[in-house]
PDB file of N, CA and C in Angstrom:
ATOM      1  N   MET A   1      -8.086  33.974 -50.430  1.00  0.00           N
ATOM      2  CA  MET A   1      -7.628  33.160 -51.299  1.00  0.00           C
ATOM      3  C   MET A   1      -7.243  31.989 -51.280  1.00  0.00           C
ATOM      4  N   TRP A   2      -7.112  31.521 -50.307  1.00  0.00           N
ATOM      5  CA  TRP A   2      -6.934  29.972 -50.040  1.00  0.00           C
ATOM      6  C   TRP A   2      -7.885  29.575 -50.946  1.00  0.00           C
ATOM      7  N   ARG A   3      -9.013  29.609 -50.587  1.00  0.00           N
ATOM      8  CA  ARG A   3     -10.232  28.846 -51.873  1.00  0.00           C
ATOM      9  C   ARG A   3      -9.965  28.778 -53.350  1.00  0.00           C
ATOM     10  N   GLY A   4      -9.460  30.037 -53.446  1.00  0.00           N
ATOM     11  CA  GLY A   4      -9.331  30.071 -55.207  1.00  0.00           C
ATOM     12  C   GLY A   4     -10.279  31.533 -55.592  1.00  0.00           C
ATOM     13  N   PHE A   5     -10.961  31.619 -54.602  1.00  0.00           N
ATOM     14  CA  PHE A   5     -12.061  33.004 -55.308  1.00  0.00           C
ATOM     15  C   PHE A   5     -13.284  33.647 -53.824  1.00  0.00           C
ATOM     16  N   ASN A   6     -13.598  34.141 -53.897  1.00  0.00           N
ATOM     17  CA  ASN A   6     -14.095  35.198 -52.907  1.00  0.00           C
ATOM     18  C   ASN A   6     -15.598  35.238 -53.225  1.00  0.00           C
ATOM     19  N   GLN A   7     -16.481  33.730 -52.124  1.00  0.00           N
ATOM     20  CA  GLN A   7     -17.503  33.715 -52.719  1.00  0.00           C
ATOM     21  C   GLN A   7     -18.499  35.381 -51.949  1.00  0.00           C
ATOM     22  N   SER A   8     -17.995  35.898 -51.328  1.00  0.00           N
ATOM     23  CA  SER A   8     -19.198  36.678 -50.647  1.00  0.00           C
ATOM     24  C   SER A   8     -18.990  37.930 -51.683  1.00  0.00           C
ATOM     25  N   ASP A   9     -18.044  37.986 -52.549  1.00  0.00           N
ATOM     26  CA  ASP A   9     -17.763  38.946 -53.722  1.00  0.00           C
ATOM     27  C   ASP A   9     -18.499  38.855 -54.817  1.00  0.00           C
ATOM     28  N   TYR A  10     -18.642  37.905 -55.450  1.00  0.00           N
ATOM     29  CA  TYR A  10     -19.654  36.987 -56.116  1.00  0.00           C
ATOM     30  C   TYR A  10     -21.112  37.502 -55.668  1.00  0.00           C
ATOM     31  N   LEU A  11     -21.344  37.075 -54.467  1.00  0.00           N
ATOM     32  CA  LEU A  11     -22.734  36.868 -53.754  1.00  0.00           C
ATOM     33  C   LEU A  11     -23.261  38.593 -53.836  1.00  0.00           C
ATOM     34  N   ALA A  12     -22.254  39.641 -53.640  1.00  0.00           N
ATOM     35  CA  ALA A  12     -22.129  41.433 -53.482  1.00  0.00           C
ATOM     36  C   ALA A  12     -22.502  41.591 -55.029  1.00  0.00           C
ATOM     37  N   GLY A  13     -21.759  40.865 -55.370  1.00  0.00           N
ATOM     38  CA  GLY A  13     -21.607  41.844 -57.276  1.00  0.00           C
ATOM     39  C   GLY A  13     -22.907  41.344 -57.766  1.00  0.00           C
ATOM     40  N   TYR A  14     -23.421  40.090 -57.311  1.00  0.00           N
ATOM     41  CA  TYR A  14     -24.482  39.275 -57.954  1.00  0.00           C
ATOM     42  C   TYR A  14     -26.147  40.594 -57.080  1.00  0.00           C
ATOM     43  N   LEU A  15     -25.865  40.479 -56.087  1.00  0.00           N
ATOM     44  CA  LEU A  15     -26.426  40.872 -54.992  1.00  0.00           C
ATOM     45  C   LEU A  15     -26.905  42.516 -56.035  1.00  0.00           C
ATOM     46  N   GLN A  16     -25.995  43.571 -55.906  1.00  0.00           N
ATOM     47  CA  GLN A  16     -26.019  44.517 -56.299  1.00  0.00           C
ATOM     48  C   GLN A  16     -26.519  44.655 -58.179  1.00  0.00           C
ATOM     49  N   GLN A  17     -26.582  43.740 -58.758  1.00  0.00           N
ATOM     50  CA  GLN A  17     -27.054  43.620 -60.280  1.00  0.00           C
ATOM     51  C   GLN A  17     -28.204  43.611 -59.908  1.00  0.00           C
ATOM     52  N   GLN A  18     -29.126  42.825 -58.900  1.00  0.00           N
ATOM     53  CA  GLN A  18     -30.546  42.873 -58.639  1.00  0.00           C
ATOM     54  C   GLN A  18     -31.075  43.750 -58.164  1.00  0.00           C
ATOM     55  N   PHE A  19     -30.465  44.771 -57.605  1.00  0.00           N
ATOM     56  CA  PHE A  19     -30.705  46.215 -57.157  1.00  0.00           C
ATOM     57  C   PHE A  19     -30.994  47.273 -58.375  1.00  0.00           C
ATOM     58  N   TYR A  20     -30.193  46.852 -59.262  1.00  0.00           N
ATOM     59  CA  TYR A  20     -30.038  47.718 -60.143  1.00  0.00           C
ATOM     60  C   TYR A  20     -31.287  47.347 -61.451  1.00  0.00           C
ATOM     61  N   ALA A  21     -31.607  46.416 -61.321  1.00  0.00           N
ATOM     62  CA  ALA A  21     -32.772  45.744 -61.860  1.00  0.00           C
ATOM     63  C   ALA A  21     -34.067  46.079 -61.517  1.00  0.00           C
ATOM     64  N   TYR A  22     -33.912  45.996 -60.342  1.00  0.00           N
ATOM     65  CA  TYR A  22     -34.940  46.486 -59.737  1.00  0.00           C
ATOM     66  C   TYR A  22     -35.202  47.929 -59.418  1.00  0.00           C
ATOM     67  N   GLY A  23     -34.313  48.714 -60.589  1.00  0.00           N
ATOM     68  CA  GLY A  23     -34.437  50.382 -60.395  1.00  0.00           C
ATOM     69  C   GLY A  23     -34.010  50.831 -58.756  1.00  0.00           C
ATOM     70  N   LYS A  24     -33.211  49.991 -58.365  1.00  0.00           N
ATOM     71  CA  LYS A  24     -32.257  50.721 -56.815  1.00  0.00           C
ATOM     72  C   LYS A  24     -31.184  50.895 -57.027  1.00  0.00           C
ATOM     73  N   SER A  25     -30.392  51.680 -58.276  1.00  0.00           N
ATOM     74  CA  SER A  25     -29.281  52.136 -58.718  1.00  0.00           C
ATOM     75  C   SER A  25     -28.279  52.833 -57.781  1.00  0.00           C
ATOM     76  N   HIS A  26     -28.814  53.564 -56.580  1.00  0.00           N
ATOM     77  CA  HIS A  26     -28.149  54.514 -55.455  1.00  0.00           C
ATOM     78  C   HIS A  26     -27.306  53.032 -54.476  1.00  0.00           C
ATOM     79  N   VAL A  27     -27.673  52.049 -55.136  1.00  0.00           N
ATOM     80  CA  VAL A  27     -26.681  50.589 -53.870  1.00  0.00           C
ATOM     81  C   VAL A  27     -25.371  51.017 -54.541  1.00  0.00           C
ATOM     82  N   THR A  28     -24.340  51.205 -53.785  1.00  0.00           N
ATOM     83  CA  THR A  28     -23.510  51.249 -53.776  1.00  0.00           C
ATOM     84  C   THR A  28     -22.336  49.655 -53.433  1.00  0.00           C
ATOM     85  N   TYR A  29     -21.880  49.250 -54.362  1.00  0.00           N
ATOM     86  CA  TYR A  29     -21.272  48.065 -54.029  1.00  0.00           C
ATOM     87  C   TYR A  29     -19.551  48.191 -53.676  1.00  0.00           C
ATOM     88  N   LEU A  30     -18.812  48.232 -53.138  1.00  0.00           N
ATOM     89  CA  LEU A  30     -17.665  48.364 -52.680  1.00  0.00           C
ATOM     90  C   LEU A  30     -16.493  47.196 -52.701  1.00  0.00           C
ATOM     91  N   PRO A  31     -16.328  46.124 -53.399  1.00  0.00           N
ATOM     92  CA  PRO A  31     -15.489  45.290 -53.410  1.00  0.00           C
ATOM     93  C   PRO A  31     -13.992  45.488 -52.655  1.00  0.00           C
ATOM     94  N   LYS A  32     -13.297  46.178 -52.888  1.00  0.00           N
ATOM     95  CA  LYS A  32     -12.074  46.626 -52.298  1.00  0.00           C
ATOM     96  C   LYS A  32     -12.032  47.418 -51.192  1.00  0.00           C
ATOM     97  N   ALA A  33     -12.797  47.481 -50.701  1.00  0.00           N
ATOM     98  CA  ALA A  33     -13.437  48.642 -48.897  1.00  0.00           C
ATOM     99  C   ALA A  33     -12.461  47.993 -48.144  1.00  0.00           C
ATOM    100  N   LEU A  34     -12.045  46.692 -48.092  1.00  0.00           N
ATOM    101  CA  LEU A  34     -11.282  46.302 -46.857  1.00  0.00           C
ATOM    102  C   LEU A  34     -10.596  45.531 -47.041  1.00  0.00           C
ATOM    103  N   SER A  35      -9.240  45.419 -46.155  1.00  0.00           N
ATOM    104  CA  SER A  35      -8.355  44.619 -46.678  1.00  0.00           C
ATOM    105  C   SER A  35      -7.427  44.061 -45.089  1.00  0.00           C
ATOM    106  N   ARG A  36      -7.083  43.196 -45.351  1.00  0.00           N
ATOM    107  CA  ARG A  36      -6.368  42.283 -43.970  1.00  0.00           C
ATOM    108  C   ARG A  36      -5.078  43.065 -43.783  1.00  0.00           C
ATOM    109  N   VAL A  37      -5.196  43.452 -43.251  1.00  0.00           N
ATOM    110  CA  VAL A  37      -3.353  44.120 -43.041  1.00  0.00           C
ATOM    111  C   VAL A  37      -2.767  43.852 -41.676  1.00  0.00           C
ATOM    112  N   LYS A  38      -3.070  42.627 -41.251  1.00  0.00           N
ATOM    113  CA  LYS A  38      -2.687  41.467 -39.881  1.00  0.00           C
ATOM    114  C   LYS A  38      -2.588  40.437 -40.647  1.00  0.00           C
ATOM    115  N   VAL A  39      -1.560  39.813 -40.115  1.00  0.00           N
ATOM    116  CA  VAL A  39      -1.441  38.530 -40.944  1.00  0.00           C
ATOM    117  C   VAL A  39      -2.312  37.249 -39.932  1.00  0.00           C
ATOM    118  N   THR A  40      -2.953  36.514 -39.949  1.00  0.00           N
ATOM    119  CA  THR A  40      -3.466  36.023 -39.007  1.00  0.00           C
ATOM    120  C   THR A  40      -3.830  34.282 -39.052  1.00  0.00           C
ATOM    121  N   ARG A  41      -3.978  33.507 -37.917  1.00  0.00           N
ATOM    122  CA  ARG A  41      -4.265  32.271 -38.143  1.00  0.00           C
ATOM    123  C   ARG A  41      -5.518  31.963 -38.872  1.00  0.00           C
ATOM    124  N   ASN A  42      -5.354  30.922 -39.721  1.00  0.00           N
ATOM    125  CA  ASN A  42      -6.633  30.190 -40.099  1.00  0.00           C
ATOM    126  C   ASN A  42      -8.076  30.196 -39.015  1.00  0.00           C
ATOM    127  N   GLN A  43      -9.211  30.854 -39.230  1.00  0.00           N
ATOM    128  CA  GLN A  43     -10.051  30.292 -38.342  1.00  0.00           C
ATOM    129  C   GLN A  43     -10.412  29.190 -37.863  1.00  0.00           C
ATOM    130  N   MET A  44     -10.590  28.597 -38.994  1.00  0.00           N
ATOM    131  CA  MET A  44     -11.317  27.053 -39.340  1.00  0.00           C
ATOM    132  C   MET A  44     -10.247  26.290 -38.107  1.00  0.00           C
ATOM    133  N   GLY A  45     -11.124  25.353 -36.950  1.00  0.00           N
ATOM    134  CA  GLY A  45      -9.914  24.786 -36.060  1.00  0.00           C
ATOM    135  C   GLY A  45     -10.358  25.679 -34.768  1.00  0.00           C
ATOM    136  N   LEU A  46     -10.173  27.037 -34.810  1.00  0.00           N
ATOM    137  CA  LEU A  46     -10.003  27.717 -33.579  1.00  0.00           C
ATOM    138  C   LEU A  46     -11.462  28.034 -33.126  1.00  0.00           C
ATOM    139  N   ASN A  47     -11.436  28.070 -31.289  1.00  0.00           N
ATOM    140  CA  ASN A  47     -12.983  28.071 -30.838  1.00  0.00           C
ATOM    141  C   ASN A  47     -13.302  29.078 -30.977  1.00  0.00           C
ATOM    142  N   ARG A  48     -14.274  29.832 -30.026  1.00  0.00           N
ATOM    143  CA  ARG A  48     -14.791  31.296 -30.213  1.00  0.00           C
ATOM    144  C   ARG A  48     -13.720  32.472 -29.841  1.00  0.00           C
ATOM    145  N   ARG A  49     -13.490  31.892 -28.220  1.00  0.00           N
ATOM    146  CA  ARG A  49     -12.544  33.056 -27.956  1.00  0.00           C
ATOM    147  C   ARG A  49     -11.370  33.434 -28.535  1.00  0.00           C
ATOM    148  N   GLN A  50     -10.699  32.403 -29.134  1.00  0.00           N
ATOM    149  CA  GLN A  50      -9.196  31.903 -30.267  1.00  0.00           C
ATOM    150  C   GLN A  50      -9.976  32.814 -31.475  1.00  0.00           C
ATOM    151  N   ARG A  51     -11.044  32.769 -31.825  1.00  0.00           N
ATOM    152  CA  ARG A  51     -11.568  33.665 -33.233  1.00  0.00           C
ATOM    153  C   ARG A  51     -11.221  35.179 -32.751  1.00  0.00           C
ATOM    154  N   LEU A  52     -11.950  35.252 -31.402  1.00  0.00           N
ATOM    155  CA  LEU A  52     -12.250  36.664 -31.770  1.00  0.00           C
ATOM    156  C   LEU A  52     -10.922  37.707 -31.563  1.00  0.00           C
ATOM    157  N   THR A  53     -10.134  37.051 -30.693  1.00  0.00           N
ATOM    158  CA  THR A  53      -8.700  37.506 -30.402  1.00  0.00           C
ATOM    159  C   THR A  53      -8.144  37.593 -31.867  1.00  0.00           C
ATOM    160  N   ASN A  54      -8.073  36.461 -32.822  1.00  0.00           N
ATOM    161  CA  ASN A  54      -6.989  36.378 -33.523  1.00  0.00           C
ATOM    162  C   ASN A  54      -7.318  37.465 -34.604  1.00  0.00           C
ATOM    163  N   LEU A  55      -8.362  38.194 -34.837  1.00  0.00           N
ATOM    164  CA  LEU A  55      -8.943  38.899 -35.700  1.00  0.00           C
ATOM    165  C   LEU A  55      -8.612  40.423 -35.489  1.00  0.00           C
ATOM    166  N   ARG A  56      -8.700  40.411 -34.441  1.00  0.00           N
ATOM    167  CA  ARG A  56      -8.915  41.809 -33.384  1.00  0.00           C
ATOM    168  C   ARG A  56      -7.720  42.688 -34.682  1.00  0.00           C
ATOM    169  N   LYS A  57      -8.406  43.786 -34.704  1.00  0.00           N
ATOM    170  CA  LYS A  57      -7.620  45.090 -35.439  1.00  0.00           C
ATOM    171  C   LYS A  57      -6.587  44.838 -36.823  1.00  0.00           C
ATOM    172  N   ALA A  58      -7.336  43.231 -37.654  1.00  0.00           N
ATOM    173  CA  ALA A  58      -6.534  42.842 -38.786  1.00  0.00           C
ATOM    174  C   ALA A  58      -7.675  43.150 -39.923  1.00  0.00           C
ATOM    175  N   PHE A  59      -8.248  43.902 -40.117  1.00  0.00           N
ATOM    176  CA  PHE A  59      -8.794  44.741 -41.091  1.00  0.00           C
ATOM    177  C   PHE A  59      -8.773  46.268 -41.095  1.00  0.00           C
ATOM    178  N   LEU A  60      -8.388  47.055 -42.300  1.00  0.00           N
ATOM    179  CA  LEU A  60      -8.588  48.193 -42.876  1.00  0.00           C
ATOM    180  C   LEU A  60      -9.377  48.583 -43.914  1.00  0.00           C
ATOM    181  N   LEU A  61     -10.235  49.614 -43.761  1.00  0.00           N
ATOM    182  CA  LEU A  61     -11.303  49.951 -44.605  1.00  0.00           C
ATOM    183  C   LEU A  61      -9.997  50.873 -45.792  1.00  0.00           C
ATOM    184  N   SER A  62     -10.249  51.021 -46.899  1.00  0.00           N
ATOM    185  CA  SER A  62      -9.618  51.653 -48.189  1.00  0.00           C
ATOM    186  C   SER A  62      -9.900  53.499 -47.845  1.00  0.00           C
ATOM    187  N   PRO A  63      -9.015  53.877 -48.114  1.00  0.00           N
ATOM    188  CA  PRO A  63      -9.108  55.255 -48.475  1.00  0.00           C
ATOM    189  C   PRO A  63     -10.521  55.843 -49.313  1.00  0.00           C
ATOM    190  N   ASN A  64     -10.880  55.281 -49.887  1.00  0.00           N
ATOM    191  CA  ASN A  64     -11.423  55.037 -51.378  1.00  0.00           C
ATOM    192  C   ASN A  64     -13.411  55.233 -50.254  1.00  0.00           C
ATOM    193  N   ALA A  65     -13.086  53.822 -49.244  1.00  0.00           N
ATOM    194  CA  ALA A  65     -14.396  53.091 -48.613  1.00  0.00           C
ATOM    195  C   ALA A  65     -14.531  54.302 -47.376  1.00  0.00           C
ATOM    196  N   VAL A  66     -13.244  54.574 -46.975  1.00  0.00           N
ATOM    197  CA  VAL A  66     -13.990  55.572 -45.819  1.00  0.00           C
ATOM    198  C   VAL A  66     -14.125  56.793 -46.397  1.00  0.00           C
ATOM    199  N   SER A  67     -13.783  57.440 -47.524  1.00  0.00           N
ATOM    200  CA  SER A  67     -14.825  58.508 -47.856  1.00  0.00           C
ATOM    201  C   SER A  67     -16.189  58.425 -47.958  1.00  0.00           C
ATOM    202  N   LEU A  68     -16.819  57.252 -48.883  1.00  0.00           N
ATOM    203  CA  LEU A  68     -18.008  56.849 -49.256  1.00  0.00           C
ATOM    204  C   LEU A  68     -18.406  56.431 -48.153  1.00  0.00           C
ATOM    205  N   LEU A  69     -17.888  55.568 -46.863  1.00  0.00           N
ATOM    206  CA  LEU A  69     -18.991  55.233 -45.972  1.00  0.00           C
ATOM    207  C   LEU A  69     -18.779  56.165 -45.033  1.00  0.00           C
ATOM    208  N   GLN A  70     -17.808  56.933 -44.403  1.00  0.00           N
ATOM    209  CA  GLN A  70     -17.782  58.298 -43.292  1.00  0.00           C
ATOM    210  C   GLN A  70     -19.480  58.737 -43.219  1.00  0.00           C
ATOM    211  N   ASN A  71     -20.031  58.272 -41.714  1.00  0.00           N
ATOM    212  CA  ASN A  71     -21.016  58.784 -41.184  1.00  0.00           C
ATOM    213  C   ASN A  71     -22.446  58.434 -41.962  1.00  0.00           C
ATOM    214  N   GLN A  72     -22.397  56.919 -42.738  1.00  0.00           N
ATOM    215  CA  GLN A  72     -23.299  56.681 -43.548  1.00  0.00           C
ATOM    216  C   GLN A  72     -24.335  55.960 -42.558  1.00  0.00           C
ATOM    217  N   PRO A  73     -25.682  56.265 -42.892  1.00  0.00           N
ATOM    218  CA  PRO A  73     -26.673  55.857 -42.161  1.00  0.00           C
ATOM    219  C   PRO A  73     -26.633  54.172 -42.084  1.00  0.00           C
ATOM    220  N   HIS A  74     -26.705  53.449 -43.269  1.00  0.00           N
ATOM    221  CA  HIS A  74     -26.907  52.458 -43.371  1.00  0.00           C
ATOM    222  C   HIS A  74     -26.138  51.527 -44.538  1.00  0.00           C
ATOM    223  N   VAL A  75     -25.261  50.392 -43.862  1.00  0.00           N
ATOM    224  CA  VAL A  75     -24.598  49.655 -44.910  1.00  0.00           C
ATOM    225  C   VAL A  75     -24.760  48.452 -44.764  1.00  0.00           C
ATOM    226  N   ALA A  76     -24.416  47.560 -46.000  1.00  0.00           N
ATOM    227  CA  ALA A  76     -24.729  45.772 -45.704  1.00  0.00           C
ATOM    228  C   ALA A  76     -23.833  45.516 -45.931  1.00  0.00           C
ATOM    229  N   LEU A  77     -23.122  44.548 -44.974  1.00  0.00           N
ATOM    230  CA  LEU A  77     -21.955  43.427 -44.704  1.00  0.00           C
ATOM    231  C   LEU A  77     -22.435  42.016 -45.486  1.00  0.00           C
ATOM    232  N   ILE A  78     -21.589  41.695 -46.770  1.00  0.00           N
ATOM    233  CA  ILE A  78     -21.975  40.636 -47.364  1.00  0.00           C
ATOM    234  C   ILE A  78     -21.075  39.317 -47.160  1.00  0.00           C
ATOM    235  N   ASP A  79     -21.462  37.909 -46.375  1.00  0.00           N
ATOM    236  CA  ASP A  79     -20.734  37.275 -45.732  1.00  0.00           C
ATOM    237  C   ASP A  79     -20.982  36.002 -46.256  1.00  0.00           C
ATOM    238  N   ASP A  80     -20.216  34.835 -46.970  1.00  0.00           N
ATOM    239  CA  ASP A  80     -20.756  33.471 -47.334  1.00  0.00           C
ATOM    240  C   ASP A  80     -21.314  32.970 -46.195  1.00  0.00           C
ATOM    241  N   VAL A  81     -20.199  32.547 -45.090  1.00  0.00           N
ATOM    242  CA  VAL A  81     -20.593  31.887 -43.856  1.00  0.00           C
ATOM    243  C   VAL A  81     -20.319  32.315 -42.644  1.00  0.00           C
ATOM    244  N   VAL A  82     -21.018  32.205 -41.944  1.00  0.00           N
ATOM    245  CA  VAL A  82     -20.866  32.891 -40.410  1.00  0.00           C
ATOM    246  C   VAL A  82     -20.912  32.100 -39.524  1.00  0.00           C
ATOM    247  N   THR A  83     -19.407  31.932 -38.824  1.00  0.00           N
ATOM    248  CA  THR A  83     -19.639  30.819 -37.327  1.00  0.00           C
ATOM    249  C   THR A  83     -19.906  31.112 -36.371  1.00  0.00           C
ATOM    250  N   THR A  84     -18.702  32.030 -35.784  1.00  0.00           N
ATOM    251  CA  THR A  84     -19.053  32.736 -34.527  1.00  0.00           C
ATOM    252  C   THR A  84     -19.382  33.851 -34.593  1.00  0.00           C
ATOM    253  N   GLY A  85     -19.341  34.698 -35.675  1.00  0.00           N
ATOM    254  CA  GLY A  85     -19.649  36.174 -36.191  1.00  0.00           C
ATOM    255  C   GLY A  85     -18.019  36.965 -35.760  1.00  0.00           C
ATOM    256  N   SER A  86     -17.072  36.464 -35.481  1.00  0.00           N
ATOM    257  CA  SER A  86     -16.045  37.365 -34.944  1.00  0.00           C
ATOM    258  C   SER A  86     -15.471  37.730 -36.168  1.00  0.00           C
ATOM    259  N   THR A  87     -15.663  37.176 -37.340  1.00  0.00           N
ATOM    260  CA  THR A  87     -14.971  38.359 -38.817  1.00  0.00           C
ATOM    261  C   THR A  87     -16.078  39.497 -39.065  1.00  0.00           C
ATOM    262  N   VAL A  88     -17.386  39.021 -39.094  1.00  0.00           N
ATOM    263  CA  VAL A  88     -18.273  40.442 -38.833  1.00  0.00           C
ATOM    264  C   VAL A  88     -17.814  41.278 -37.913  1.00  0.00           C
ATOM    265  N   SER A  89     -18.476  41.142 -36.945  1.00  0.00           N
ATOM    266  CA  SER A  89     -17.822  41.964 -35.638  1.00  0.00           C
ATOM    267  C   SER A  89     -16.948  42.349 -35.470  1.00  0.00           C
ATOM    268  N   GLU A  90     -15.686  42.289 -36.032  1.00  0.00           N
ATOM    269  CA  GLU A  90     -14.780  42.862 -36.443  1.00  0.00           C
ATOM    270  C   GLU A  90     -14.640  44.003 -37.408  1.00  0.00           C
ATOM    271  N   ILE A  91     -15.241  43.706 -38.463  1.00  0.00           N
ATOM    272  CA  ILE A  91     -15.773  44.432 -39.174  1.00  0.00           C
ATOM    273  C   ILE A  91     -16.369  45.359 -38.889  1.00  0.00           C
ATOM    274  N   CYS A  92     -17.648  45.658 -38.246  1.00  0.00           N
ATOM    275  CA  CYS A  92     -18.526  46.127 -37.735  1.00  0.00           C
ATOM    276  C   CYS A  92     -18.021  46.922 -37.277  1.00  0.00           C
ATOM    277  N   LEU A  93     -17.408  46.381 -35.998  1.00  0.00           N
ATOM    278  CA  LEU A  93     -16.243  47.618 -34.897  1.00  0.00           C
ATOM    279  C   LEU A  93     -15.471  49.065 -35.898  1.00  0.00           C
ATOM    280  N   LEU A  94     -15.219  48.472 -36.883  1.00  0.00           N
ATOM    281  CA  LEU A  94     -13.880  49.040 -38.039  1.00  0.00           C
ATOM    282  C   LEU A  94     -15.334  50.235 -38.098  1.00  0.00           C
ATOM    283  N   LEU A  95     -16.688  49.412 -38.877  1.00  0.00           N
ATOM    284  CA  LEU A  95     -17.153  50.664 -39.218  1.00  0.00           C
ATOM    285  C   LEU A  95     -17.728  51.788 -38.622  1.00  0.00           C
ATOM    286  N   LYS A  96     -18.278  51.376 -37.434  1.00  0.00           N
ATOM    287  CA  LYS A  96     -18.867  51.841 -36.343  1.00  0.00           C
ATOM    288  C   LYS A  96     -17.644  53.156 -36.305  1.00  0.00           C
ATOM    289  N   GLU A  97     -16.499  52.896 -35.882  1.00  0.00           N
ATOM    290  CA  GLU A  97     -15.043  53.884 -35.917  1.00  0.00           C
ATOM    291  C   GLU A  97     -15.613  54.769 -36.677  1.00  0.00           C
ATOM    292  N   HIS A  98     -16.199  54.498 -37.779  1.00  0.00           N
ATOM    293  CA  HIS A  98     -16.079  55.629 -38.920  1.00  0.00           C
ATOM    294  C   HIS A  98     -17.720  56.474 -39.449  1.00  0.00           C
ATOM    295  N   GLY A  99     -18.457  55.671 -38.344  1.00  0.00           N
ATOM    296  CA  GLY A  99     -20.033  56.599 -37.915  1.00  0.00           C
ATOM    297  C   GLY A  99     -20.719  56.123 -38.732  1.00  0.00           C
ATOM    298  N   VAL A 100     -20.659  54.657 -39.154  1.00  0.00           N
ATOM    299  CA  VAL A 100     -21.918  53.881 -40.007  1.00  0.00           C
ATOM    300  C   VAL A 100     -22.297  53.628 -38.697  1.00  0.00           C
ATOM    301  N   GLN A 101     -24.168  53.943 -38.701  1.00  0.00           N
ATOM    302  CA  GLN A 101     -24.887  53.879 -37.860  1.00  0.00           C
ATOM    303  C   GLN A 101     -25.932  52.619 -37.848  1.00  0.00           C
ATOM    304  N   ARG A 102     -26.245  52.207 -38.715  1.00  0.00           N
ATOM    305  CA  ARG A 102     -26.418  50.879 -38.702  1.00  0.00           C
ATOM    306  C   ARG A 102     -26.100  49.967 -40.080  1.00  0.00           C
ATOM    307  N   ILE A 103     -25.567  48.279 -39.413  1.00  0.00           N
ATOM    308  CA  ILE A 103     -25.343  47.693 -40.109  1.00  0.00           C
ATOM    309  C   ILE A 103     -25.682  46.548 -40.348  1.00  0.00           C
ATOM    310  N   ASP A 104     -26.329  45.979 -41.731  1.00  0.00           N
ATOM    311  CA  ASP A 104     -26.855  44.519 -41.704  1.00  0.00           C
ATOM    312  C   ASP A 104     -25.981  43.770 -42.322  1.00  0.00           C
ATOM    313  N   ILE A 105     -25.972  42.513 -41.836  1.00  0.00           N
ATOM    314  CA  ILE A 105     -24.972  41.246 -42.421  1.00  0.00           C
ATOM    315  C   ILE A 105     -26.103  40.139 -43.167  1.00  0.00           C
ATOM    316  N   TYR A 106     -25.791  40.006 -44.623  1.00  0.00           N
ATOM    317  CA  TYR A 106     -26.379  39.097 -45.017  1.00  0.00           C
ATOM    318  C   TYR A 106     -25.386  38.157 -45.166  1.00  0.00           C
ATOM    319  N   CYS A 107     -26.096  36.685 -45.018  1.00  0.00           N
ATOM    320  CA  CYS A 107     -24.612  35.410 -45.027  1.00  0.00           C
ATOM    321  C   CYS A 107     -25.897  34.328 -45.905  1.00  0.00           C
ATOM    322  N   ILE A 108     -25.218  33.587 -46.314  1.00  0.00           N
ATOM    323  CA  ILE A 108     -25.985  32.403 -47.333  1.00  0.00           C
ATOM    324  C   ILE A 108     -25.912  30.886 -45.717  1.00  0.00           C
ATOM    325  N   CYS A 109     -24.665  31.122 -44.976  1.00  0.00           N
ATOM    326  CA  CYS A 109     -25.000  29.941 -44.246  1.00  0.00           C
ATOM    327  C   CYS A 109     -24.569  30.780 -42.526  1.00  0.00           C
ATOM    328  N   ARG A 110     -25.230  29.984 -41.300  1.00  0.00           N
ATOM    329  CA  ARG A 110     -24.964  30.703 -40.400  1.00  0.00           C
ATOM    330  C   ARG A 110     -24.534  29.341 -39.579  1.00  0.00           C
ATOM    331  N   ALA A 111     -23.913  28.955 -38.913  1.00  0.00           N
ATOM    332  CA  ALA A 111     -23.585  27.759 -38.063  1.00  0.00           C
ATOM    333  C   ALA A 111     -24.329  28.060 -36.875  1.00  0.00           C
ATOM    334  N   SER A 112     -24.528  26.480 -36.379  1.00  0.00           N
ATOM    335  CA  SER A 112     -25.336  26.716 -35.050  1.00  0.00           C
ATOM    336  C   SER A 112     -24.597  27.031 -34.136  1.00  0.00           C
ATOM    337  N   PRO A 113     -24.712  27.853 -33.100  1.00  0.00           N
ATOM    338  CA  PRO A 113     -23.959  27.745 -32.089  1.00  0.00           C
ATOM    339  C   PRO A 113     -23.443  26.637 -31.116  1.00  0.00           C
ATOM    340  N   VAL A 114     -24.636  25.864 -30.793  1.00  0.00           N
ATOM    341  CA  VAL A 114     -24.220  24.354 -30.480  1.00  0.00           C
ATOM    342  C   VAL A 114     -23.441  23.428 -31.400  1.00  0.00           C
ATOM    343  N   THR A 115     -23.175  23.560 -32.359  1.00  0.00           N
ATOM    344  CA  THR A 115     -21.573  22.767 -33.415  1.00  0.00           C
ATOM    345  C   THR A 115     -20.326  23.087 -33.076  1.00  0.00           C
ATOM    346  N   LEU A 116     -20.564  24.500 -32.314  1.00  0.00           N
ATOM    347  CA  LEU A 116     -18.995  24.906 -31.476  1.00  0.00           C
ATOM    348  C   LEU A 116     -18.147  24.316 -31.126  1.00  0.00           C
TER     349      LEU A 116
END
């Protein structure tokens, strides 16, 4: 919201179009699956420990997503930038709580741990 658009949403939508183009119509894109339910500080400028605690219990799955994701064998999570991994880690914990067995993380940019 702060940037004015959701880069990860654009990436995921495009990826789903490519799956369809190659006959993989069973891939489901859930743009409204997650919502932030806790007001948190901006992650930018926080160190790794602060980032991890900042996002604890900050996300919730929508009822529709819960019914679709419950006990799924494989889910892919799309993010534009992964810095410390705290956001994707928190979302993975949430997905695991709902029985998702395997989670792949697709990102465009991964920050080097040395730069943190």
